[in-house]
Each structure stands twice: as C-alpha cells, then as structure tokens.
Amino acid sequence: ILIYILLTFIFAYSDSIGDIVLTQTPESLAVSPGDRVTINCKASSSITGFLSPSYLAWYQQKPSQAPKLLIYQASTRASGIPDRFRGSGSGTDFTLTISSVQAEDADYYCYQTPFPNNPA
C-alpha cells in the first residue's frame, strides 16, 4: 500500500518589509508505511530577522478537517504531537521530518507567523 502525501507548496506572507514566499519541496510524495519522510520549506528571505521577527510552523491537514498544528518556532512540537514528527532549521531553510509515516498521515504545509507560541 502506498500513502500519498500531497504538499501545499507555496504560501505568501506579507510583512512591513515586503512579501516573503515559502516554497515547499517536494510537491508530492508517494511513500510506504514506516518510511522516513523529509519535507523542505524555503523562504525567499530570512524569517528570523531581528527587525521583523517571525516564526515558522508546520501543520497537518486531513481531508474534511481543519489544519492541525504540529510544530511551532521551527522545532517545538505542539502538545500531544508524537516525537516521530521533528522540525528543524532557521533563517531561510526549514525541514519537517516524519520518522515513520503512518497510514493516517495526510497533507503538510509550512506557515510563517508573527506569533511565537500561538501560530494559528
């Protein structure tokens, strides 16, 4: 059985300096249960700048459900999120790693937010 992980790969965020575009790769991915998956998110300019601080979050979305926060501040797991999800990165390059994909896993996307602890 293959699991299809579809990734929403371009999001834009406007701040006082200008537009920052987040680009996710790969765009889509077919994996088997138990596989390790790495999803990359690249910002068009630094997200963690001193003059305009902001934060990178990762969300999971399943069909007909609201997005669920997985990771905030690039690497902090939200409450109740299993440790098979791991976020890393800073500046312009960020990564979500899923150490063992499960059948119920779904779509993932990165999101830039000005709020450090409550990205929604």
PDB file of N, CA and C in Angstrom:
ATOM      1  N   ILE A   1       0.849  -1.184   0.000  1.00  0.00           N
ATOM      2  CA  ILE A   1       0.000   0.000   0.000  1.00  0.00           C
ATOM      3  C   ILE A   1       0.884   1.233   0.000  1.00  0.00           C
ATOM      4  N   LEU A   2       0.575   2.149  -0.879  1.00  0.00           N
ATOM      5  CA  LEU A   2       1.294   3.419  -0.911  1.00  0.00           C
ATOM      6  C   LEU A   2       0.445   4.501  -0.271  1.00  0.00           C
ATOM      7  N   ILE A   3       1.110   5.372   0.422  1.00  0.00           N
ATOM      8  CA  ILE A   3       0.450   6.530   1.008  1.00  0.00           C
ATOM      9  C   ILE A   3       0.861   7.740   0.189  1.00  0.00           C
ATOM     10  N   TYR A   4      -0.088   8.524  -0.205  1.00  0.00           N
ATOM     11  CA  TYR A   4       0.224   9.720  -0.970  1.00  0.00           C
ATOM     12  C   TYR A   4       0.189  10.937  -0.054  1.00  0.00           C
ATOM     13  N   ILE A   5       1.297  11.605   0.013  1.00  0.00           N
ATOM     14  CA  ILE A   5       1.385  12.820   0.797  1.00  0.00           C
ATOM     15  C   ILE A   5       1.439  13.983  -0.173  1.00  0.00           C
ATOM     16  N   LEU A   6       0.418  14.781  -0.150  1.00  0.00           N
ATOM     17  CA  LEU A   6       0.349  15.930  -1.042  1.00  0.00           C
ATOM     18  C   LEU A   6       0.725  17.173  -0.262  1.00  0.00           C
ATOM     19  N   LEU A   7       1.576  17.947  -0.821  1.00  0.00           N
ATOM     20  CA  LEU A   7       2.112  19.096  -0.110  1.00  0.00           C
ATOM     21  C   LEU A   7       1.672  20.385  -0.776  1.00  0.00           C
ATOM     22  N   THR A   8       1.080  21.248   0.003  1.00  0.00           N
ATOM     23  CA  THR A   8       0.783  22.584  -0.484  1.00  0.00           C
ATOM     24  C   THR A   8       2.091  23.341  -0.469  1.00  0.00           C
ATOM     25  N   PHE A   9       2.564  23.781  -1.616  1.00  0.00           N
ATOM     26  CA  PHE A   9       3.973  24.127  -1.705  1.00  0.00           C
ATOM     27  C   PHE A   9       4.286  25.597  -1.845  1.00  0.00           C
ATOM     28  N   ILE A  10       3.302  26.462  -1.971  1.00  0.00           N
ATOM     29  CA  ILE A  10       3.640  27.885  -1.995  1.00  0.00           C
ATOM     30  C   ILE A  10       2.646  28.654  -1.127  1.00  0.00           C
ATOM     31  N   PHE A  11       3.191  29.381  -0.152  1.00  0.00           N
ATOM     32  CA  PHE A  11       2.391  30.272   0.673  1.00  0.00           C
ATOM     33  C   PHE A  11       3.079  31.623   0.700  1.00  0.00           C
ATOM     34  N   ALA A  12       2.314  32.682   0.762  1.00  0.00           N
ATOM     35  CA  ALA A  12       2.900  34.020   0.819  1.00  0.00           C
ATOM     36  C   ALA A  12       2.486  34.691   2.118  1.00  0.00           C
ATOM     37  N   TYR A  13       3.387  35.470   2.637  1.00  0.00           N
ATOM     38  CA  TYR A  13       3.117  36.213   3.867  1.00  0.00           C
ATOM     39  C   TYR A  13       3.610  37.630   3.669  1.00  0.00           C
ATOM     40  N   SER A  14       2.782  38.606   3.979  1.00  0.00           N
ATOM     41  CA  SER A  14       3.184  39.998   3.836  1.00  0.00           C
ATOM     42  C   SER A  14       3.530  40.579   5.198  1.00  0.00           C
ATOM     43  N   ASP A  15       4.663  41.250   5.280  1.00  0.00           N
ATOM     44  CA  ASP A  15       5.010  41.958   6.500  1.00  0.00           C
ATOM     45  C   ASP A  15       5.385  43.383   6.142  1.00  0.00           C
ATOM     46  N   SER A  16       5.918  44.117   7.111  1.00  0.00           N
ATOM     47  CA  SER A  16       6.201  45.532   6.881  1.00  0.00           C
ATOM     48  C   SER A  16       7.335  45.747   5.893  1.00  0.00           C
ATOM     49  N   ILE A  17       8.148  44.744   5.674  1.00  0.00           N
ATOM     50  CA  ILE A  17       9.274  44.881   4.755  1.00  0.00           C
ATOM     51  C   ILE A  17       8.882  44.479   3.337  1.00  0.00           C
ATOM     52  N   GLY A  18       8.021  43.484   3.211  1.00  0.00           N
ATOM     53  CA  GLY A  18       7.633  43.024   1.885  1.00  0.00           C
ATOM     54  C   GLY A  18       7.115  41.607   1.944  1.00  0.00           C
ATOM     55  N   ASP A  19       6.890  41.026   0.782  1.00  0.00           N
ATOM     56  CA  ASP A  19       6.352  39.677   0.715  1.00  0.00           C
ATOM     57  C   ASP A  19       7.456  38.647   0.891  1.00  0.00           C
ATOM     58  N   ILE A  20       7.191  37.675   1.735  1.00  0.00           N
ATOM     59  CA  ILE A  20       8.068  36.523   1.875  1.00  0.00           C
ATOM     60  C   ILE A  20       7.306  35.321   1.346  1.00  0.00           C
ATOM     61  N   VAL A  21       7.897  34.611   0.411  1.00  0.00           N
ATOM     62  CA  VAL A  21       7.265  33.436  -0.178  1.00  0.00           C
ATOM     63  C   VAL A  21       7.915  32.188   0.391  1.00  0.00           C
ATOM     64  N   LEU A  22       7.084  31.248   0.834  1.00  0.00           N
ATOM     65  CA  LEU A  22       7.552  29.959   1.313  1.00  0.00           C
ATOM     66  C   LEU A  22       7.313  28.924   0.228  1.00  0.00           C
ATOM     67  N   THR A  23       8.341  28.178  -0.104  1.00  0.00           N
ATOM     68  CA  THR A  23       8.235  27.152  -1.140  1.00  0.00           C
ATOM     69  C   THR A  23       8.582  25.792  -0.548  1.00  0.00           C
ATOM     70  N   GLN A  24       7.645  24.851  -0.662  1.00  0.00           N
ATOM     71  CA  GLN A  24       7.865  23.509  -0.138  1.00  0.00           C
ATOM     72  C   GLN A  24       8.300  22.556  -1.238  1.00  0.00           C
ATOM     73  N   THR A  25       9.207  21.660  -0.892  1.00  0.00           N
ATOM     74  CA  THR A  25       9.610  20.579  -1.783  1.00  0.00           C
ATOM     75  C   THR A  25       9.744  19.289  -0.975  1.00  0.00           C
ATOM     76  N   PRO A  26       9.405  18.140  -1.596  1.00  0.00           N
ATOM     77  CA  PRO A  26       8.826  18.007  -2.932  1.00  0.00           C
ATOM     78  C   PRO A  26       7.360  18.420  -2.936  1.00  0.00           C
ATOM     79  N   GLU A  27       6.817  18.583  -4.132  1.00  0.00           N
ATOM     80  CA  GLU A  27       5.417  18.986  -4.256  1.00  0.00           C
ATOM     81  C   GLU A  27       4.485  17.862  -3.823  1.00  0.00           C
ATOM     82  N   SER A  28       4.834  16.640  -4.163  1.00  0.00           N
ATOM     83  CA  SER A  28       4.058  15.476  -3.735  1.00  0.00           C
ATOM     84  C   SER A  28       5.006  14.300  -3.570  1.00  0.00           C
ATOM     85  N   LEU A  29       4.536  13.303  -2.855  1.00  0.00           N
ATOM     86  CA  LEU A  29       5.415  12.210  -2.476  1.00  0.00           C
ATOM     87  C   LEU A  29       4.588  10.956  -2.258  1.00  0.00           C
ATOM     88  N   ALA A  30       5.022   9.824  -2.810  1.00  0.00           N
ATOM     89  CA  ALA A  30       4.384   8.534  -2.563  1.00  0.00           C
ATOM     90  C   ALA A  30       5.329   7.698  -1.709  1.00  0.00           C
ATOM     91  N   VAL A  31       4.846   7.260  -0.558  1.00  0.00           N
ATOM     92  CA  VAL A  31       5.690   6.525   0.380  1.00  0.00           C
ATOM     93  C   VAL A  31       4.940   5.309   0.907  1.00  0.00           C
ATOM     94  N   SER A  32       5.675   4.419   1.540  1.00  0.00           N
ATOM     95  CA  SER A  32       5.090   3.241   2.171  1.00  0.00           C
ATOM     96  C   SER A  32       5.067   3.426   3.681  1.00  0.00           C
ATOM     97  N   PRO A  33       4.136   2.768   4.375  1.00  0.00           N
ATOM     98  CA  PRO A  33       4.099   2.875   5.837  1.00  0.00           C
ATOM     99  C   PRO A  33       5.450   2.507   6.448  1.00  0.00           C
ATOM    100  N   GLY A  34       5.880   3.308   7.405  1.00  0.00           N
ATOM    101  CA  GLY A  34       7.164   3.081   8.055  1.00  0.00           C
ATOM    102  C   GLY A  34       8.316   3.849   7.453  1.00  0.00           C
ATOM    103  N   ASP A  35       8.119   4.407   6.259  1.00  0.00           N
ATOM    104  CA  ASP A  35       9.185   5.181   5.616  1.00  0.00           C
ATOM    105  C   ASP A  35       9.483   6.455   6.397  1.00  0.00           C
ATOM    106  N   ARG A  36      10.712   6.939   6.217  1.00  0.00           N
ATOM    107  CA  ARG A  36      11.115   8.241   6.750  1.00  0.00           C
ATOM    108  C   ARG A  36      10.907   9.271   5.647  1.00  0.00           C
ATOM    109  N   VAL A  37      10.275  10.386   5.996  1.00  0.00           N
ATOM    110  CA  VAL A  37       9.942  11.418   5.016  1.00  0.00           C
ATOM    111  C   VAL A  37      10.539  12.750   5.455  1.00  0.00           C
ATOM    112  N   THR A  38      11.127  13.460   4.505  1.00  0.00           N
ATOM    113  CA  THR A  38      11.651  14.793   4.765  1.00  0.00           C
ATOM    114  C   THR A  38      10.970  15.785   3.831  1.00  0.00           C
ATOM    115  N   ILE A  39      10.408  16.836   4.402  1.00  0.00           N
ATOM    116  CA  ILE A  39       9.752  17.893   3.645  1.00  0.00           C
ATOM    117  C   ILE A  39      10.511  19.187   3.910  1.00  0.00           C
ATOM    118  N   ASN A  40      10.866  19.869   2.850  1.00  0.00           N
ATOM    119  CA  ASN A  40      11.649  21.091   2.966  1.00  0.00           C
ATOM    120  C   ASN A  40      10.780  22.321   2.732  1.00  0.00           C
ATOM    121  N   CYS A  41      11.109  23.389   3.420  1.00  0.00           N
ATOM    122  CA  CYS A  41      10.417  24.665   3.263  1.00  0.00           C
ATOM    123  C   CYS A  41      11.475  25.752   3.177  1.00  0.00           C
ATOM    124  N   LYS A  42      11.487  26.462   2.057  1.00  0.00           N
ATOM    125  CA  LYS A  42      12.486  27.515   1.851  1.00  0.00           C
ATOM    126  C   LYS A  42      11.789  28.860   1.743  1.00  0.00           C
ATOM    127  N   ALA A  43      12.271  29.836   2.512  1.00  0.00           N
ATOM    128  CA  ALA A  43      11.722  31.190   2.479  1.00  0.00           C
ATOM    129  C   ALA A  43      12.533  32.051   1.530  1.00  0.00           C
ATOM    130  N   SER A  44      11.873  32.986   0.869  1.00  0.00           N
ATOM    131  CA  SER A  44      12.556  33.855  -0.090  1.00  0.00           C
ATOM    132  C   SER A  44      13.495  34.845   0.600  1.00  0.00           C
ATOM    133  N   SER A  45      13.282  35.097   1.888  1.00  0.00           N
ATOM    134  CA  SER A  45      14.231  35.857   2.699  1.00  0.00           C
ATOM    135  C   SER A  45      14.090  35.385   4.140  1.00  0.00           C
ATOM    136  N   SER A  46      15.024  35.781   4.982  1.00  0.00           N
ATOM    137  CA  SER A  46      15.081  35.229   6.334  1.00  0.00           C
ATOM    138  C   SER A  46      13.805  35.499   7.120  1.00  0.00           C
ATOM    139  N   ILE A  47      13.315  34.463   7.765  1.00  0.00           N
ATOM    140  CA  ILE A  47      12.121  34.567   8.589  1.00  0.00           C
ATOM    141  C   ILE A  47      12.472  35.084   9.980  1.00  0.00           C
ATOM    142  N   THR A  48      13.678  34.856  10.416  1.00  0.00           N
ATOM    143  CA  THR A  48      14.044  35.116  11.807  1.00  0.00           C
ATOM    144  C   THR A  48      14.854  36.394  11.972  1.00  0.00           C
ATOM    145  N   GLY A  49      14.570  37.389  11.144  1.00  0.00           N
ATOM    146  CA  GLY A  49      15.305  38.644  11.213  1.00  0.00           C
ATOM    147  C   GLY A  49      15.003  39.440  12.478  1.00  0.00           C
ATOM    148  N   PHE A  50      15.987  40.200  12.945  1.00  0.00           N
ATOM    149  CA  PHE A  50      15.845  40.973  14.185  1.00  0.00           C
ATOM    150  C   PHE A  50      14.795  42.075  14.052  1.00  0.00           C
ATOM    151  N   LEU A  51      14.764  42.755  12.924  1.00  0.00           N
ATOM    152  CA  LEU A  51      13.854  43.886  12.758  1.00  0.00           C
ATOM    153  C   LEU A  51      12.412  43.459  12.519  1.00  0.00           C
ATOM    154  N   SER A  52      12.228  42.269  11.993  1.00  0.00           N
ATOM    155  CA  SER A  52      10.880  41.787  11.707  1.00  0.00           C
ATOM    156  C   SER A  52      10.783  40.322  12.122  1.00  0.00           C
ATOM    157  N   PRO A  53      10.807  40.050  13.434  1.00  0.00           N
ATOM    158  CA  PRO A  53      10.832  38.658  13.878  1.00  0.00           C
ATOM    159  C   PRO A  53       9.544  37.931  13.534  1.00  0.00           C
ATOM    160  N   SER A  54       9.675  36.714  13.101  1.00  0.00           N
ATOM    161  CA  SER A  54       8.526  35.864  12.865  1.00  0.00           C
ATOM    162  C   SER A  54       8.973  34.422  13.039  1.00  0.00           C
ATOM    163  N   TYR A  55       8.038  33.517  12.869  1.00  0.00           N
ATOM    164  CA  TYR A  55       8.284  32.144  13.275  1.00  0.00           C
ATOM    165  C   TYR A  55       7.722  31.185  12.232  1.00  0.00           C
ATOM    166  N   LEU A  56       8.328  30.009  12.159  1.00  0.00           N
ATOM    167  CA  LEU A  56       7.930  29.004  11.182  1.00  0.00           C
ATOM    168  C   LEU A  56       7.162  27.906  11.904  1.00  0.00           C
ATOM    169  N   ALA A  57       5.995  27.568  11.378  1.00  0.00           N
ATOM    170  CA  ALA A  57       5.174  26.496  11.933  1.00  0.00           C
ATOM    171  C   ALA A  57       4.883  25.466  10.849  1.00  0.00           C
ATOM    172  N   TRP A  58       4.617  24.242  11.274  1.00  0.00           N
ATOM    173  CA  TRP A  58       4.210  23.166  10.368  1.00  0.00           C
ATOM    174  C   TRP A  58       2.822  22.677  10.783  1.00  0.00           C
ATOM    175  N   TYR A  59       1.985  22.453   9.778  1.00  0.00           N
ATOM    176  CA  TYR A  59       0.632  21.966  10.010  1.00  0.00           C
ATOM    177  C   TYR A  59       0.400  20.668   9.243  1.00  0.00           C
ATOM    178  N   GLN A  60      -0.502  19.863   9.785  1.00  0.00           N
ATOM    179  CA  GLN A  60      -1.000  18.668   9.108  1.00  0.00           C
ATOM    180  C   GLN A  60      -2.479  18.900   8.821  1.00  0.00           C
ATOM    181  N   GLN A  61      -2.920  18.517   7.624  1.00  0.00           N
ATOM    182  CA  GLN A  61      -4.345  18.621   7.316  1.00  0.00           C
ATOM    183  C   GLN A  61      -4.832  17.331   6.685  1.00  0.00           C
ATOM    184  N   LYS A  62      -5.875  16.787   7.279  1.00  0.00           N
ATOM    185  CA  LYS A  62      -6.523  15.591   6.754  1.00  0.00           C
ATOM    186  C   LYS A  62      -7.800  16.003   6.036  1.00  0.00           C
ATOM    187  N   PRO A  63      -8.284  15.165   5.106  1.00  0.00           N
ATOM    188  CA  PRO A  63      -9.481  15.529   4.335  1.00  0.00           C
ATOM    189  C   PRO A  63     -10.657  15.899   5.241  1.00  0.00           C
ATOM    190  N   SER A  64     -11.321  16.986   4.909  1.00  0.00           N
ATOM    191  CA  SER A  64     -12.513  17.471   5.615  1.00  0.00           C
ATOM    192  C   SER A  64     -12.241  17.859   7.069  1.00  0.00           C
ATOM    193  N   GLN A  65     -10.976  18.108   7.401  1.00  0.00           N
ATOM    194  CA  GLN A  65     -10.635  18.534   8.758  1.00  0.00           C
ATOM    195  C   GLN A  65      -9.870  19.849   8.724  1.00  0.00           C
ATOM    196  N   ALA A  66      -9.935  20.565   9.822  1.00  0.00           N
ATOM    197  CA  ALA A  66      -9.158  21.796   9.948  1.00  0.00           C
ATOM    198  C   ALA A  66      -7.676  21.460  10.092  1.00  0.00           C
ATOM    199  N   PRO A  67      -6.798  22.367   9.693  1.00  0.00           N
ATOM    200  CA  PRO A  67      -5.362  22.131   9.885  1.00  0.00           C
ATOM    201  C   PRO A  67      -5.032  21.946  11.368  1.00  0.00           C
ATOM    202  N   LYS A  68      -4.070  21.079  11.631  1.00  0.00           N
ATOM    203  CA  LYS A  68      -3.630  20.781  12.998  1.00  0.00           C
ATOM    204  C   LYS A  68      -2.179  21.217  13.156  1.00  0.00           C
ATOM    205  N   LEU A  69      -1.913  22.001  14.178  1.00  0.00           N
ATOM    206  CA  LEU A  69      -0.549  22.456  14.432  1.00  0.00           C
ATOM    207  C   LEU A  69       0.320  21.295  14.900  1.00  0.00           C
ATOM    208  N   LEU A  70       1.444  21.087  14.207  1.00  0.00           N
ATOM    209  CA  LEU A  70       2.411  20.062  14.602  1.00  0.00           C
ATOM    210  C   LEU A  70       3.613  20.664  15.314  1.00  0.00           C
ATOM    211  N   ILE A  71       4.200  21.681  14.672  1.00  0.00           N
ATOM    212  CA  ILE A  71       5.472  22.262  15.105  1.00  0.00           C
ATOM    213  C   ILE A  71       5.338  23.780  15.102  1.00  0.00           C
ATOM    214  N   TYR A  72       5.847  24.439  16.133  1.00  0.00           N
ATOM    215  CA  TYR A  72       5.933  25.902  16.118  1.00  0.00           C
ATOM    216  C   TYR A  72       7.349  26.321  16.494  1.00  0.00           C
ATOM    217  N   GLN A  73       7.684  27.573  16.220  1.00  0.00           N
ATOM    218  CA  GLN A  73       9.048  28.084  16.399  1.00  0.00           C
ATOM    219  C   GLN A  73      10.069  27.159  15.738  1.00  0.00           C
ATOM    220  N   ALA A  74       9.715  26.632  14.586  1.00  0.00           N
ATOM    221  CA  ALA A  74      10.573  25.801  13.727  1.00  0.00           C
ATOM    222  C   ALA A  74      10.829  24.403  14.264  1.00  0.00           C
ATOM    223  N   SER A  75      10.913  24.224  15.589  1.00  0.00           N
ATOM    224  CA  SER A  75      11.354  22.928  16.106  1.00  0.00           C
ATOM    225  C   SER A  75      10.625  22.440  17.356  1.00  0.00           C
ATOM    226  N   THR A  76       9.651  23.198  17.849  1.00  0.00           N
ATOM    227  CA  THR A  76       8.951  22.809  19.075  1.00  0.00           C
ATOM    228  C   THR A  76       7.658  22.086  18.731  1.00  0.00           C
ATOM    229  N   ARG A  77       7.524  20.841  19.199  1.00  0.00           N
ATOM    230  CA  ARG A  77       6.300  20.088  18.948  1.00  0.00           C
ATOM    231  C   ARG A  77       5.144  20.648  19.771  1.00  0.00           C
ATOM    232  N   ALA A  78       3.993  20.754  19.142  1.00  0.00           N
ATOM    233  CA  ALA A  78       2.787  21.175  19.851  1.00  0.00           C
ATOM    234  C   ALA A  78       2.348  20.071  20.809  1.00  0.00           C
ATOM    235  N   SER A  79       1.519  20.427  21.756  1.00  0.00           N
ATOM    236  CA  SER A  79       1.060  19.475  22.761  1.00  0.00           C
ATOM    237  C   SER A  79       0.391  18.261  22.117  1.00  0.00           C
ATOM    238  N   GLY A  80       0.796  17.080  22.551  1.00  0.00           N
ATOM    239  CA  GLY A  80       0.190  15.845  22.071  1.00  0.00           C
ATOM    240  C   GLY A  80       0.728  15.317  20.759  1.00  0.00           C
ATOM    241  N   ILE A  81       1.678  16.007  20.156  1.00  0.00           N
ATOM    242  CA  ILE A  81       2.240  15.566  18.872  1.00  0.00           C
ATOM    243  C   ILE A  81       3.348  14.545  19.137  1.00  0.00           C
ATOM    244  N   PRO A  82       3.276  13.371  18.514  1.00  0.00           N
ATOM    245  CA  PRO A  82       4.287  12.340  18.784  1.00  0.00           C
ATOM    246  C   PRO A  82       5.674  12.731  18.293  1.00  0.00           C
ATOM    247  N   ASP A  83       6.691  12.117  18.890  1.00  0.00           N
ATOM    248  CA  ASP A  83       8.061  12.518  18.582  1.00  0.00           C
ATOM    249  C   ASP A  83       8.566  12.006  17.238  1.00  0.00           C
ATOM    250  N   ARG A  84       7.715  11.295  16.499  1.00  0.00           N
ATOM    251  CA  ARG A  84       8.121  10.927  15.138  1.00  0.00           C
ATOM    252  C   ARG A  84       8.094  12.140  14.201  1.00  0.00           C
ATOM    253  N   PHE A  85       7.471  13.226  14.651  1.00  0.00           N
ATOM    254  CA  PHE A  85       7.498  14.491  13.909  1.00  0.00           C
ATOM    255  C   PHE A  85       8.602  15.370  14.487  1.00  0.00           C
ATOM    256  N   ARG A  86       9.476  15.858  13.618  1.00  0.00           N
ATOM    257  CA  ARG A  86      10.579  16.697  14.084  1.00  0.00           C
ATOM    258  C   ARG A  86      10.787  17.856  13.120  1.00  0.00           C
ATOM    259  N   GLY A  87      10.854  19.051  13.660  1.00  0.00           N
ATOM    260  CA  GLY A  87      11.123  20.237  12.859  1.00  0.00           C
ATOM    261  C   GLY A  87      12.509  20.770  13.140  1.00  0.00           C
ATOM    262  N   SER A  88      13.130  21.348  12.113  1.00  0.00           N
ATOM    263  CA  SER A  88      14.456  21.937  12.288  1.00  0.00           C
ATOM    264  C   SER A  88      14.628  23.067  11.286  1.00  0.00           C
ATOM    265  N   GLY A  89      15.706  23.828  11.460  1.00  0.00           N
ATOM    266  CA  GLY A  89      16.047  24.878  10.515  1.00  0.00           C
ATOM    267  C   GLY A  89      15.970  26.265  11.115  1.00  0.00           C
ATOM    268  N   SER A  90      16.477  27.237  10.362  1.00  0.00           N
ATOM    269  CA  SER A  90      16.438  28.641  10.757  1.00  0.00           C
ATOM    270  C   SER A  90      16.708  29.495   9.530  1.00  0.00           C
ATOM    271  N   GLY A  91      16.467  30.789   9.663  1.00  0.00           N
ATOM    272  CA  GLY A  91      16.757  31.701   8.560  1.00  0.00           C
ATOM    273  C   GLY A  91      15.822  31.500   7.390  1.00  0.00           C
ATOM    274  N   THR A  92      16.316  30.860   6.345  1.00  0.00           N
ATOM    275  CA  THR A  92      15.501  30.630   5.145  1.00  0.00           C
ATOM    276  C   THR A  92      15.200  29.161   4.881  1.00  0.00           C
ATOM    277  N   ASP A  93      15.836  28.249   5.597  1.00  0.00           N
ATOM    278  CA  ASP A  93      15.715  26.826   5.285  1.00  0.00           C
ATOM    279  C   ASP A  93      15.205  26.036   6.486  1.00  0.00           C
ATOM    280  N   PHE A  94      14.088  25.345   6.271  1.00  0.00           N
ATOM    281  CA  PHE A  94      13.426  24.605   7.340  1.00  0.00           C
ATOM    282  C   PHE A  94      13.050  23.214   6.838  1.00  0.00           C
ATOM    283  N   THR A  95      12.939  22.275   7.776  1.00  0.00           N
ATOM    284  CA  THR A  95      12.654  20.890   7.425  1.00  0.00           C
ATOM    285  C   THR A  95      11.681  20.279   8.416  1.00  0.00           C
ATOM    286  N   LEU A  96      10.726  19.521   7.892  1.00  0.00           N
ATOM    287  CA  LEU A  96       9.882  18.657   8.712  1.00  0.00           C
ATOM    288  C   LEU A  96      10.265  17.224   8.384  1.00  0.00           C
ATOM    289  N   THR A  97      10.622  16.455   9.403  1.00  0.00           N
ATOM    290  CA  THR A  97      10.959  15.046   9.219  1.00  0.00           C
ATOM    291  C   THR A  97       9.927  14.196   9.939  1.00  0.00           C
ATOM    292  N   ILE A  98       9.379  13.222   9.225  1.00  0.00           N
ATOM    293  CA  ILE A  98       8.462  12.247   9.816  1.00  0.00           C
ATOM    294  C   ILE A  98       9.219  10.930   9.826  1.00  0.00           C
ATOM    295  N   SER A  99       9.542  10.439  11.014  1.00  0.00           N
ATOM    296  CA  SER A  99      10.460   9.301  11.101  1.00  0.00           C
ATOM    297  C   SER A  99       9.818   7.985  10.685  1.00  0.00           C
ATOM    298  N   SER A 100       8.521   7.867  10.837  1.00  0.00           N
ATOM    299  CA  SER A 100       7.830   6.640  10.450  1.00  0.00           C
ATOM    300  C   SER A 100       6.417   6.999   9.999  1.00  0.00           C
ATOM    301  N   VAL A 101       6.234   7.092   8.698  1.00  0.00           N
ATOM    302  CA  VAL A 101       4.939   7.500   8.146  1.00  0.00           C
ATOM    303  C   VAL A 101       3.880   6.451   8.462  1.00  0.00           C
ATOM    304  N   GLN A 102       2.709   6.914   8.825  1.00  0.00           N
ATOM    305  CA  GLN A 102       1.585   6.031   9.106  1.00  0.00           C
ATOM    306  C   GLN A 102       0.462   6.275   8.109  1.00  0.00           C
ATOM    307  N   ALA A 103      -0.437   5.310   8.018  1.00  0.00           N
ATOM    308  CA  ALA A 103      -1.496   5.367   7.012  1.00  0.00           C
ATOM    309  C   ALA A 103      -2.391   6.586   7.186  1.00  0.00           C
ATOM    310  N   GLU A 104      -2.534   7.071   8.415  1.00  0.00           N
ATOM    311  CA  GLU A 104      -3.438   8.200   8.648  1.00  0.00           C
ATOM    312  C   GLU A 104      -2.794   9.550   8.376  1.00  0.00           C
ATOM    313  N   ASP A 105      -1.510   9.566   8.046  1.00  0.00           N
ATOM    314  CA  ASP A 105      -0.852  10.829   7.734  1.00  0.00           C
ATOM    315  C   ASP A 105      -1.423  11.417   6.449  1.00  0.00           C
ATOM    316  N   ALA A 106      -1.265  12.724   6.290  1.00  0.00           N
ATOM    317  CA  ALA A 106      -2.003  13.421   5.236  1.00  0.00           C
ATOM    318  C   ALA A 106      -1.175  14.520   4.600  1.00  0.00           C
ATOM    319  N   ASP A 107      -1.783  15.689   4.426  1.00  0.00           N
ATOM    320  CA  ASP A 107      -1.101  16.828   3.812  1.00  0.00           C
ATOM    321  C   ASP A 107      -0.349  17.630   4.874  1.00  0.00           C
ATOM    322  N   TYR A 108       0.763  18.224   4.458  1.00  0.00           N
ATOM    323  CA  TYR A 108       1.585  19.014   5.365  1.00  0.00           C
ATOM    324  C   TYR A 108       1.937  20.332   4.704  1.00  0.00           C
ATOM    325  N   TYR A 109       1.970  21.391   5.499  1.00  0.00           N
ATOM    326  CA  TYR A 109       2.437  22.652   4.942  1.00  0.00           C
ATOM    327  C   TYR A 109       3.113  23.505   6.005  1.00  0.00           C
ATOM    328  N   CYS A 110       4.037  24.315   5.543  1.00  0.00           N
ATOM    329  CA  CYS A 110       4.711  25.254   6.434  1.00  0.00           C
ATOM    330  C   CYS A 110       4.000  26.598   6.365  1.00  0.00           C
ATOM    331  N   TYR A 111       4.161  27.367   7.431  1.00  0.00           N
ATOM    332  CA  TYR A 111       3.427  28.618   7.574  1.00  0.00           C
ATOM    333  C   TYR A 111       4.274  29.588   8.384  1.00  0.00           C
ATOM    334  N   GLN A 112       4.327  30.808   7.948  1.00  0.00           N
ATOM    335  CA  GLN A 112       5.051  31.840   8.676  1.00  0.00           C
ATOM    336  C   GLN A 112       4.074  32.664   9.497  1.00  0.00           C
ATOM    337  N   THR A 113       4.428  32.930  10.734  1.00  0.00           N
ATOM    338  CA  THR A 113       3.536  33.662  11.626  1.00  0.00           C
ATOM    339  C   THR A 113       4.326  34.622  12.508  1.00  0.00           C
ATOM    340  N   PRO A 114       3.738  35.747  12.882  1.00  0.00           N
ATOM    341  CA  PRO A 114       4.414  36.653  13.815  1.00  0.00           C
ATOM    342  C   PRO A 114       4.246  36.239  15.273  1.00  0.00           C
ATOM    343  N   PHE A 115       3.479  35.189  15.526  1.00  0.00           N
ATOM    344  CA  PHE A 115       3.177  34.782  16.896  1.00  0.00           C
ATOM    345  C   PHE A 115       4.021  33.571  17.291  1.00  0.00           C
ATOM    346  N   PRO A 116       4.857  33.677  18.319  1.00  0.00           N
ATOM    347  CA  PRO A 116       5.778  32.592  18.640  1.00  0.00           C
ATOM    348  C   PRO A 116       5.122  31.342  19.198  1.00  0.00           C
ATOM    349  N   ASN A 117       4.086  31.476  20.017  1.00  0.00           N
ATOM    350  CA  ASN A 117       3.535  30.320  20.717  1.00  0.00           C
ATOM    351  C   ASN A 117       2.133  29.928  20.295  1.00  0.00           C
ATOM    352  N   ASN A 118       1.497  30.771  19.492  1.00  0.00           N
ATOM    353  CA  ASN A 118       0.125  30.503  19.070  1.00  0.00           C
ATOM    354  C   ASN A 118      -0.005  30.855  17.596  1.00  0.00           C
ATOM    355  N   PRO A 119       0.542  30.006  16.710  1.00  0.00           N
ATOM    356  CA  PRO A 119       0.638  30.364  15.293  1.00  0.00           C
ATOM    357  C   PRO A 119      -0.677  30.421  14.545  1.00  0.00           C
ATOM    358  N   ALA A 120      -1.745  29.885  15.105  1.00  0.00           N
ATOM    359  CA  ALA A 120      -2.996  29.796  14.354  1.00  0.00           C
ATOM    360  C   ALA A 120      -3.540  31.165  13.976  1.00  0.00           C
TER     361      ALA A 120
END
